[in-house]
Structure formats: C-alpha cells, structure tokens
Amino acid sequence: WQDSISNAETNQRMLGVLLQALQEKHIMLYFNDPSLNESVQILGWAGNQAVTPQHDYLMTADANLGNKSNRSIIRQLAANVYIQPDGTAQNSVTVAYDYSRQTAENDPAVDEAFHGPLDYQNLLQVFVPRASVLTGWENFDFDPIVDQTDTYTNFIADIVLEYDSSQQYEFRYTTPLVVEPVGSYRSYSLLIQKQPGTRGDLVNVQVFLPPGATLLDSSPEPTASYTIDQTIIEYDLTLRTDQW
C-alpha cells in the first residue's frame, strides 16, 4: 500500500477493499482512547455484540478446536419465529454444515500432516435474547450447555463433523417479551449479527404471525408472504454484515 499510494487508482482500490473488509467484519478496530472506540462501535467496526433489551436476537459463532478447515466448510442458517399473542416467541434455529472433499482438497489449510485430523471439531455457540429457555434440540451427541448472562442466553455444544460429510443441528427455545407496542399496533424486530471473520452465510428466516394478525409493513421487503392458518413472512439473505 505504501509503495502504491502515489498511484491514485491503485490507492482508491486499496481503500475500497479495506472499507469492505471493515464493513464485513474481516477487520476489527480497538483503541485505547474511549472516544475513538465509541466512534468505531457506531460504525460497526468494533466487532462487539449488540445489547438486546426489547427485540429478538441471533448470533451463531464457531470456534475450531482442531484443524484449520473453516474456509472449506459452508455454513447455512435457518430460523423459524412463531410470535405468540403475549409478545413472546417460540423459535427454532437450524445450523447446517457442508464439509465436502471437493472443496477441501483444494484448500492448503486442510492438511492432516501439518494441521491435524481432517474431521472438524467445533465449539458451536448460539446467542439469543437474555432469559430465553431451551426447550429442545436435534442431532447433538451430548446435551447442549445453557449459559445465562446479564446480556444473552448462550446455547453451547461440542460437535464433530466428519470429513466429506454434511450435518445440521437444531435448537428450539422460547424468548422473553420481544414484541413492542406502538400505539394500537405491535412491532417485532430481529437482529442477526455476523460472526467476525466468516464468509457470508446464507440465512432463511420465516416469521409466523399470531392468528388473526395482519402485516402492515416490513423492512426489508420479504422474499415471500403467504397465509395458510396464519400469515407467514419469509426472508432470504446473505449475512455479509449485521442485518435487521
């Protein structure tokens, strides 16, 4: 960068790449100066988690406990939100992994001789609103751990994904009050935060409105909206940045 800074075109491209990396949480900033830290937090460049007082929240975080295979593992998320008449929600979150040989064999970081066994041993953490209650789960070899903090509820599980395989894991839970009254109307918001350093996960969200409820407005625009016994609003997104 220092060598090419005199070239305006190259310098502009470099600045664009750095800005994108900041926005997509591949670079995070921290300063000793509290005022500078406050500024980068407002910009979303600090990598910290948001506090969730009156809205729904989801963040999925992987911590590799063995090899260096993360770049060759495709992760996808699916969240179903059943809003209850009392303003709470009954949610399910499915985390799906695809660890294919076709992708991994071209990855120099997936090398048993230098980086350990090929199977992916992972500490999976799913952060949801504080005081949420885990009601069920699927496909875990051991019962998940529930860590209640002053800010979040964290579901924690140790998983092992075999090389050249795929698997999905599900958590089911109830939230505290996540619907906010706005005059005679009701507002529901879900913040999905991206784990810093990850690729853009594909995410599908389905929101089931209470029986008799009618959708007035939505931001962003839904991918689809339909009614069976109740109104269902569907969103498809790529999680390159934090998204409401």
C-alpha atoms as a PDB file:
ATOM      1  CA  TRP A   1       0.000   0.000   0.000  1.00  0.00           C
ATOM      2  CA  GLN A   2       2.805   2.406   0.898  1.00  0.00           C
ATOM      3  CA  ASP A   3       4.571   1.623  -2.383  1.00  0.00           C
ATOM      4  CA  SER A   4       1.452   2.269  -4.457  1.00  0.00           C
ATOM      5  CA  ILE A   5      -0.080   5.204  -2.556  1.00  0.00           C
ATOM      6  CA  SER A   6       1.206   7.667  -5.178  1.00  0.00           C
ATOM      7  CA  ASN A   7      -0.961   5.909  -7.779  1.00  0.00           C
ATOM      8  CA  ALA A   8      -4.441   7.369  -7.243  1.00  0.00           C
ATOM      9  CA  GLU A   9      -6.284   4.499  -8.945  1.00  0.00           C
ATOM     10  CA  THR A  10      -4.463   1.774  -7.003  1.00  0.00           C
ATOM     11  CA  ASN A  11      -4.810   3.721  -3.773  1.00  0.00           C
ATOM     12  CA  GLN A  12      -8.567   4.067  -4.308  1.00  0.00           C
ATOM     13  CA  ARG A  13      -8.948   0.323  -4.915  1.00  0.00           C
ATOM     14  CA  MET A  14      -6.975  -0.442  -1.746  1.00  0.00           C
ATOM     15  CA  LEU A  15      -9.154   1.912   0.290  1.00  0.00           C
ATOM     16  CA  GLY A  16     -12.262   0.239  -1.161  1.00  0.00           C
ATOM     17  CA  VAL A  17     -11.015  -3.219  -0.205  1.00  0.00           C
ATOM     18  CA  LEU A  18     -10.207  -2.073   3.344  1.00  0.00           C
ATOM     19  CA  LEU A  19     -13.614  -0.417   3.744  1.00  0.00           C
ATOM     20  CA  GLN A  20     -15.387  -3.562   2.572  1.00  0.00           C
ATOM     21  CA  ALA A  21     -13.314  -5.663   5.000  1.00  0.00           C
ATOM     22  CA  LEU A  22     -14.306  -3.344   7.849  1.00  0.00           C
ATOM     23  CA  GLN A  23     -17.976  -3.426   6.898  1.00  0.00           C
ATOM     24  CA  GLU A  24     -17.981  -7.224   6.574  1.00  0.00           C
ATOM     25  CA  LYS A  25     -16.101  -7.752   9.879  1.00  0.00           C
ATOM     26  CA  HIS A  26     -12.873  -9.153   8.440  1.00  0.00           C
ATOM     27  CA  ILE A  27     -11.027  -6.302  10.155  1.00  0.00           C
ATOM     28  CA  MET A  28     -11.919  -5.025  13.637  1.00  0.00           C
ATOM     29  CA  LEU A  29     -10.586  -1.954  15.407  1.00  0.00           C
ATOM     30  CA  TYR A  30      -9.780  -1.232  19.046  1.00  0.00           C
ATOM     31  CA  PHE A  31      -8.201   1.891  20.555  1.00  0.00           C
ATOM     32  CA  ASN A  32      -7.000   2.935  23.986  1.00  0.00           C
ATOM     33  CA  ASP A  33      -8.962   6.165  23.502  1.00  0.00           C
ATOM     34  CA  PRO A  34     -12.606   5.560  24.644  1.00  0.00           C
ATOM     35  CA  SER A  35     -13.940   8.244  22.291  1.00  0.00           C
ATOM     36  CA  LEU A  36     -12.350   6.522  19.289  1.00  0.00           C
ATOM     37  CA  ASN A  37     -13.789   3.203  20.431  1.00  0.00           C
ATOM     38  CA  GLU A  38     -17.231   4.781  20.666  1.00  0.00           C
ATOM     39  CA  SER A  39     -16.894   6.023  17.086  1.00  0.00           C
ATOM     40  CA  VAL A  40     -15.904   2.647  15.620  1.00  0.00           C
ATOM     41  CA  GLN A  41     -18.709   0.966  17.591  1.00  0.00           C
ATOM     42  CA  ILE A  42     -21.225   3.338  15.978  1.00  0.00           C
ATOM     43  CA  LEU A  43     -19.761   2.441  12.577  1.00  0.00           C
ATOM     44  CA  GLY A  44     -19.980  -1.278  13.423  1.00  0.00           C
ATOM     45  CA  TRP A  45     -16.228  -1.776  13.082  1.00  0.00           C
ATOM     46  CA  ALA A  46     -15.507  -2.928  16.654  1.00  0.00           C
ATOM     47  CA  GLY A  47     -16.863  -6.465  16.302  1.00  0.00           C
ATOM     48  CA  ASN A  48     -18.731  -6.323  19.606  1.00  0.00           C
ATOM     49  CA  GLN A  49     -22.160  -7.842  20.164  1.00  0.00           C
ATOM     50  CA  ALA A  50     -25.221  -5.597  20.455  1.00  0.00           C
ATOM     51  CA  VAL A  51     -27.284  -5.469  23.633  1.00  0.00           C
ATOM     52  CA  THR A  52     -30.815  -6.848  23.200  1.00  0.00           C
ATOM     53  CA  PRO A  53     -33.261  -5.165  25.598  1.00  0.00           C
ATOM     54  CA  GLN A  54     -36.529  -5.104  23.588  1.00  0.00           C
ATOM     55  CA  HIS A  55     -36.005  -7.146  20.439  1.00  0.00           C
ATOM     56  CA  ASP A  56     -35.164 -10.614  19.216  1.00  0.00           C
ATOM     57  CA  TYR A  57     -31.528 -11.515  18.587  1.00  0.00           C
ATOM     58  CA  LEU A  58     -29.422 -14.235  16.966  1.00  0.00           C
ATOM     59  CA  MET A  59     -25.703 -14.756  16.540  1.00  0.00           C
ATOM     60  CA  THR A  60     -24.036 -18.049  15.662  1.00  0.00           C
ATOM     61  CA  ALA A  61     -20.332 -18.440  16.458  1.00  0.00           C
ATOM     62  CA  ASP A  62     -17.990 -21.337  15.638  1.00  0.00           C
ATOM     63  CA  ALA A  63     -14.692 -21.951  17.434  1.00  0.00           C
ATOM     64  CA  ASN A  64     -12.469 -24.506  15.716  1.00  0.00           C
ATOM     65  CA  LEU A  65     -10.908 -26.832  18.294  1.00  0.00           C
ATOM     66  CA  GLY A  66      -8.726 -28.794  15.888  1.00  0.00           C
ATOM     67  CA  ASN A  67      -7.603 -28.239  12.314  1.00  0.00           C
ATOM     68  CA  LYS A  68      -7.764 -25.181  10.025  1.00  0.00           C
ATOM     69  CA  SER A  69     -10.689 -26.284   7.856  1.00  0.00           C
ATOM     70  CA  ASN A  70     -13.145 -23.417   8.413  1.00  0.00           C
ATOM     71  CA  ARG A  71     -12.654 -21.891   4.966  1.00  0.00           C
ATOM     72  CA  SER A  72     -13.743 -25.180   3.370  1.00  0.00           C
ATOM     73  CA  ILE A  73     -16.916 -25.515   5.432  1.00  0.00           C
ATOM     74  CA  ILE A  74     -20.134 -23.965   4.138  1.00  0.00           C
ATOM     75  CA  ARG A  75     -22.488 -22.907   6.944  1.00  0.00           C
ATOM     76  CA  GLN A  76     -26.156 -22.032   6.451  1.00  0.00           C
ATOM     77  CA  LEU A  77     -28.726 -20.857   8.986  1.00  0.00           C
ATOM     78  CA  ALA A  78     -32.496 -21.223   9.148  1.00  0.00           C
ATOM     79  CA  ALA A  79     -34.626 -19.506  11.789  1.00  0.00           C
ATOM     80  CA  ASN A  80     -38.340 -20.021  12.382  1.00  0.00           C
ATOM     81  CA  VAL A  81     -40.042 -17.439  14.621  1.00  0.00           C
ATOM     82  CA  TYR A  82     -43.522 -18.140  15.966  1.00  0.00           C
ATOM     83  CA  ILE A  83     -44.740 -14.889  17.528  1.00  0.00           C
ATOM     84  CA  GLN A  84     -47.114 -15.550  20.404  1.00  0.00           C
ATOM     85  CA  PRO A  85     -50.167 -13.423  21.312  1.00  0.00           C
ATOM     86  CA  ASP A  86     -48.467 -12.411  24.590  1.00  0.00           C
ATOM     87  CA  GLY A  87     -45.459 -10.906  22.745  1.00  0.00           C
ATOM     88  CA  THR A  88     -43.004 -13.734  23.365  1.00  0.00           C
ATOM     89  CA  ALA A  89     -41.782 -16.050  20.596  1.00  0.00           C
ATOM     90  CA  GLN A  90     -41.209 -19.761  20.136  1.00  0.00           C
ATOM     91  CA  ASN A  91     -38.140 -20.062  17.922  1.00  0.00           C
ATOM     92  CA  SER A  92     -36.091 -22.729  16.241  1.00  0.00           C
ATOM     93  CA  VAL A  93     -32.625 -22.235  14.772  1.00  0.00           C
ATOM     94  CA  THR A  94     -31.005 -24.783  12.479  1.00  0.00           C
ATOM     95  CA  VAL A  95     -27.269 -24.597  11.725  1.00  0.00           C
ATOM     96  CA  ALA A  96     -26.264 -26.659   8.676  1.00  0.00           C
ATOM     97  CA  TYR A  97     -22.680 -27.518   7.709  1.00  0.00           C
ATOM     98  CA  ASP A  98     -21.329 -28.882   4.421  1.00  0.00           C
ATOM     99  CA  TYR A  99     -17.707 -30.091   4.541  1.00  0.00           C
ATOM    100  CA  SER A 100     -17.126 -31.594   1.094  1.00  0.00           C
ATOM    101  CA  ARG A 101     -13.961 -33.253  -0.125  1.00  0.00           C
ATOM    102  CA  GLN A 102     -14.307 -31.409  -3.446  1.00  0.00           C
ATOM    103  CA  THR A 103     -13.878 -28.069  -1.684  1.00  0.00           C
ATOM    104  CA  ALA A 104     -11.412 -29.121   0.997  1.00  0.00           C
ATOM    105  CA  GLU A 105      -8.902 -30.944  -1.209  1.00  0.00           C
ATOM    106  CA  ASN A 106      -8.004 -27.624  -2.863  1.00  0.00           C
ATOM    107  CA  ASP A 107      -7.520 -25.877   0.481  1.00  0.00           C
ATOM    108  CA  PRO A 108      -3.864 -25.810   1.651  1.00  0.00           C
ATOM    109  CA  ALA A 109      -5.075 -25.311   5.234  1.00  0.00           C
ATOM    110  CA  VAL A 110      -6.748 -28.751   5.191  1.00  0.00           C
ATOM    111  CA  ASP A 111      -3.657 -30.918   5.514  1.00  0.00           C
ATOM    112  CA  GLU A 112      -3.550 -33.760   8.016  1.00  0.00           C
ATOM    113  CA  ALA A 113       0.259 -33.783   8.095  1.00  0.00           C
ATOM    114  CA  PHE A 114       0.517 -30.161   9.240  1.00  0.00           C
ATOM    115  CA  HIS A 115      -2.849 -29.154  10.726  1.00  0.00           C
ATOM    116  CA  GLY A 116      -4.180 -32.239  12.462  1.00  0.00           C
ATOM    117  CA  PRO A 117      -7.038 -34.697  11.785  1.00  0.00           C
ATOM    118  CA  LEU A 118      -9.340 -33.801   8.920  1.00  0.00           C
ATOM    119  CA  ASP A 119     -12.586 -34.064  10.902  1.00  0.00           C
ATOM    120  CA  TYR A 120     -13.945 -30.700  12.059  1.00  0.00           C
ATOM    121  CA  GLN A 121     -14.219 -30.427  15.848  1.00  0.00           C
ATOM    122  CA  ASN A 122     -16.162 -27.295  16.678  1.00  0.00           C
ATOM    123  CA  LEU A 123     -17.492 -25.436  19.701  1.00  0.00           C
ATOM    124  CA  LEU A 124     -20.838 -24.141  18.434  1.00  0.00           C
ATOM    125  CA  GLN A 125     -22.379 -21.196  20.277  1.00  0.00           C
ATOM    126  CA  VAL A 126     -25.799 -19.711  19.516  1.00  0.00           C
ATOM    127  CA  PHE A 127     -26.550 -16.402  21.250  1.00  0.00           C
ATOM    128  CA  VAL A 128     -30.226 -15.489  21.738  1.00  0.00           C
ATOM    129  CA  PRO A 129     -32.091 -12.970  23.949  1.00  0.00           C
ATOM    130  CA  ARG A 130     -31.398 -12.989  27.680  1.00  0.00           C
ATOM    131  CA  ALA A 131     -33.724 -15.251  29.723  1.00  0.00           C
ATOM    132  CA  SER A 132     -34.620 -17.436  26.744  1.00  0.00           C
ATOM    133  CA  VAL A 133     -35.412 -21.051  27.670  1.00  0.00           C
ATOM    134  CA  LEU A 134     -34.079 -24.027  25.693  1.00  0.00           C
ATOM    135  CA  THR A 135     -36.982 -26.421  25.028  1.00  0.00           C
ATOM    136  CA  GLY A 136     -35.443 -28.955  22.637  1.00  0.00           C
ATOM    137  CA  TRP A 137     -32.618 -29.860  20.265  1.00  0.00           C
ATOM    138  CA  GLU A 138     -31.718 -32.293  17.492  1.00  0.00           C
ATOM    139  CA  ASN A 139     -28.627 -34.250  16.346  1.00  0.00           C
ATOM    140  CA  PHE A 140     -26.247 -33.474  19.223  1.00  0.00           C
ATOM    141  CA  ASP A 141     -24.264 -36.336  20.765  1.00  0.00           C
ATOM    142  CA  PHE A 142     -24.360 -34.580  24.134  1.00  0.00           C
ATOM    143  CA  ASP A 143     -26.891 -32.252  25.718  1.00  0.00           C
ATOM    144  CA  PRO A 144     -26.128 -28.593  24.951  1.00  0.00           C
ATOM    145  CA  ILE A 145     -24.995 -26.317  27.770  1.00  0.00           C
ATOM    146  CA  VAL A 146     -27.100 -23.235  28.545  1.00  0.00           C
ATOM    147  CA  ASP A 147     -25.161 -20.202  29.783  1.00  0.00           C
ATOM    148  CA  GLN A 148     -27.341 -17.365  31.107  1.00  0.00           C
ATOM    149  CA  THR A 149     -25.608 -13.984  31.277  1.00  0.00           C
ATOM    150  CA  ASP A 150     -26.781 -10.448  32.000  1.00  0.00           C
ATOM    151  CA  THR A 151     -26.943  -9.775  28.253  1.00  0.00           C
ATOM    152  CA  TYR A 152     -27.630 -13.044  26.401  1.00  0.00           C
ATOM    153  CA  THR A 153     -28.586 -16.662  26.691  1.00  0.00           C
ATOM    154  CA  ASN A 154     -25.899 -18.794  25.041  1.00  0.00           C
ATOM    155  CA  PHE A 155     -26.524 -22.350  23.823  1.00  0.00           C
ATOM    156  CA  ILE A 156     -23.195 -24.215  23.631  1.00  0.00           C
ATOM    157  CA  ALA A 157     -22.449 -27.580  22.036  1.00  0.00           C
ATOM    158  CA  ASP A 158     -19.323 -29.521  21.068  1.00  0.00           C
ATOM    159  CA  ILE A 159     -19.800 -31.078  17.626  1.00  0.00           C
ATOM    160  CA  VAL A 160     -17.614 -33.190  15.333  1.00  0.00           C
ATOM    161  CA  LEU A 161     -18.262 -33.047  11.589  1.00  0.00           C
ATOM    162  CA  GLU A 162     -16.631 -35.854   9.661  1.00  0.00           C
ATOM    163  CA  TYR A 163     -14.531 -35.019   6.611  1.00  0.00           C
ATOM    164  CA  ASP A 164     -16.554 -35.097   3.367  1.00  0.00           C
ATOM    165  CA  SER A 165     -19.918 -35.028   5.119  1.00  0.00           C
ATOM    166  CA  SER A 166     -22.774 -32.702   5.968  1.00  0.00           C
ATOM    167  CA  GLN A 167     -24.918 -32.322   9.065  1.00  0.00           C
ATOM    168  CA  GLN A 168     -27.413 -29.957  10.621  1.00  0.00           C
ATOM    169  CA  TYR A 169     -28.166 -29.130  14.246  1.00  0.00           C
ATOM    170  CA  GLU A 170     -31.285 -27.569  15.721  1.00  0.00           C
ATOM    171  CA  PHE A 171     -32.075 -25.581  18.866  1.00  0.00           C
ATOM    172  CA  ARG A 172     -35.670 -24.856  19.961  1.00  0.00           C
ATOM    173  CA  TYR A 173     -36.350 -22.210  22.572  1.00  0.00           C
ATOM    174  CA  THR A 174     -38.807 -19.653  23.898  1.00  0.00           C
ATOM    175  CA  THR A 175     -37.890 -15.984  24.233  1.00  0.00           C
ATOM    176  CA  PRO A 176     -38.925 -13.352  26.746  1.00  0.00           C
ATOM    177  CA  LEU A 177     -41.058 -10.433  25.546  1.00  0.00           C
ATOM    178  CA  VAL A 178     -39.728  -9.426  22.082  1.00  0.00           C
ATOM    179  CA  VAL A 179     -42.760  -7.598  20.642  1.00  0.00           C
ATOM    180  CA  GLU A 180     -43.001  -3.867  21.315  1.00  0.00           C
ATOM    181  CA  PRO A 181     -46.333  -1.990  21.432  1.00  0.00           C
ATOM    182  CA  VAL A 182     -46.505   1.044  19.118  1.00  0.00           C
ATOM    183  CA  GLY A 183     -49.818   2.699  19.872  1.00  0.00           C
ATOM    184  CA  SER A 184     -52.506   0.214  18.879  1.00  0.00           C
ATOM    185  CA  TYR A 185     -50.014  -1.747  16.724  1.00  0.00           C
ATOM    186  CA  ARG A 186     -47.232  -4.210  17.511  1.00  0.00           C
ATOM    187  CA  SER A 187     -43.638  -4.197  16.251  1.00  0.00           C
ATOM    188  CA  TYR A 188     -41.279  -7.180  16.047  1.00  0.00           C
ATOM    189  CA  SER A 189     -37.564  -6.794  15.254  1.00  0.00           C
ATOM    190  CA  LEU A 190     -34.852  -9.436  14.842  1.00  0.00           C
ATOM    191  CA  LEU A 191     -31.153  -8.531  14.741  1.00  0.00           C
ATOM    192  CA  ILE A 192     -28.903 -11.200  13.215  1.00  0.00           C
ATOM    193  CA  GLN A 193     -25.234 -10.482  13.867  1.00  0.00           C
ATOM    194  CA  LYS A 194     -22.436 -11.875  11.748  1.00  0.00           C
ATOM    195  CA  GLN A 195     -19.562 -13.735  13.366  1.00  0.00           C
ATOM    196  CA  PRO A 196     -16.414 -11.717  12.570  1.00  0.00           C
ATOM    197  CA  GLY A 197     -14.135 -13.301  10.005  1.00  0.00           C
ATOM    198  CA  THR A 198     -16.701 -15.643   8.451  1.00  0.00           C
ATOM    199  CA  ARG A 199     -17.875 -15.850   4.859  1.00  0.00           C
ATOM    200  CA  GLY A 200     -21.380 -14.584   4.109  1.00  0.00           C
ATOM    201  CA  ASP A 201     -23.658 -17.335   5.423  1.00  0.00           C
ATOM    202  CA  LEU A 202     -26.946 -17.914   3.617  1.00  0.00           C
ATOM    203  CA  VAL A 203     -29.837 -17.330   6.035  1.00  0.00           C
ATOM    204  CA  ASN A 204     -33.533 -18.149   5.739  1.00  0.00           C
ATOM    205  CA  VAL A 205     -35.945 -16.585   8.236  1.00  0.00           C
ATOM    206  CA  GLN A 206     -39.640 -17.407   8.492  1.00  0.00           C
ATOM    207  CA  VAL A 207     -41.798 -15.298  10.805  1.00  0.00           C
ATOM    208  CA  PHE A 208     -45.198 -16.725  11.767  1.00  0.00           C
ATOM    209  CA  LEU A 209     -47.619 -14.022  12.897  1.00  0.00           C
ATOM    210  CA  PRO A 210     -50.165 -14.757  15.649  1.00  0.00           C
ATOM    211  CA  PRO A 211     -53.577 -15.966  14.420  1.00  0.00           C
ATOM    212  CA  GLY A 212     -55.645 -13.026  13.222  1.00  0.00           C
ATOM    213  CA  ALA A 213     -52.673 -10.674  12.886  1.00  0.00           C
ATOM    214  CA  THR A 214     -52.164  -8.710   9.659  1.00  0.00           C
ATOM    215  CA  LEU A 215     -48.833  -7.484   8.311  1.00  0.00           C
ATOM    216  CA  LEU A 216     -48.831  -3.704   7.775  1.00  0.00           C
ATOM    217  CA  ASP A 217     -45.195  -3.052   6.907  1.00  0.00           C
ATOM    218  CA  SER A 218     -41.844  -4.829   6.778  1.00  0.00           C
ATOM    219  CA  SER A 219     -38.247  -3.722   6.374  1.00  0.00           C
ATOM    220  CA  PRO A 220     -36.555  -5.241   4.449  1.00  0.00           C
ATOM    221  CA  GLU A 221     -39.129  -6.392   1.934  1.00  0.00           C
ATOM    222  CA  PRO A 222     -39.975 -10.090   2.431  1.00  0.00           C
ATOM    223  CA  THR A 223     -38.886 -12.664  -0.102  1.00  0.00           C
ATOM    224  CA  ALA A 224     -42.366 -14.165   0.174  1.00  0.00           C
ATOM    225  CA  SER A 225     -45.534 -13.795   2.214  1.00  0.00           C
ATOM    226  CA  TYR A 226     -48.418 -16.257   2.344  1.00  0.00           C
ATOM    227  CA  THR A 227     -51.263 -17.359   4.581  1.00  0.00           C
ATOM    228  CA  ILE A 228     -52.261 -20.897   5.495  1.00  0.00           C
ATOM    229  CA  ASP A 229     -53.736 -20.959   9.002  1.00  0.00           C
ATOM    230  CA  GLN A 230     -51.722 -17.833   9.807  1.00  0.00           C
ATOM    231  CA  THR A 231     -49.608 -15.280   7.974  1.00  0.00           C
ATOM    232  CA  ILE A 232     -46.028 -16.402   7.276  1.00  0.00           C
ATOM    233  CA  ILE A 233     -43.363 -13.898   6.171  1.00  0.00           C
ATOM    234  CA  GLU A 234     -40.155 -15.265   4.655  1.00  0.00           C
ATOM    235  CA  TYR A 235     -36.753 -13.624   4.181  1.00  0.00           C
ATOM    236  CA  ASP A 236     -33.663 -14.910   2.351  1.00  0.00           C
ATOM    237  CA  LEU A 237     -30.415 -13.060   2.935  1.00  0.00           C
ATOM    238  CA  THR A 238     -26.655 -13.354   2.773  1.00  0.00           C
ATOM    239  CA  LEU A 239     -25.066 -12.468   6.094  1.00  0.00           C
ATOM    240  CA  ARG A 240     -22.106 -10.362   4.950  1.00  0.00           C
ATOM    241  CA  THR A 241     -22.924  -7.740   7.610  1.00  0.00           C
ATOM    242  CA  ASP A 242     -25.180  -7.486  10.648  1.00  0.00           C
ATOM    243  CA  GLN A 243     -28.789  -7.361   9.490  1.00  0.00           C
ATOM    244  CA  TRP A 244     -32.130  -6.353  10.989  1.00  0.00           C
END
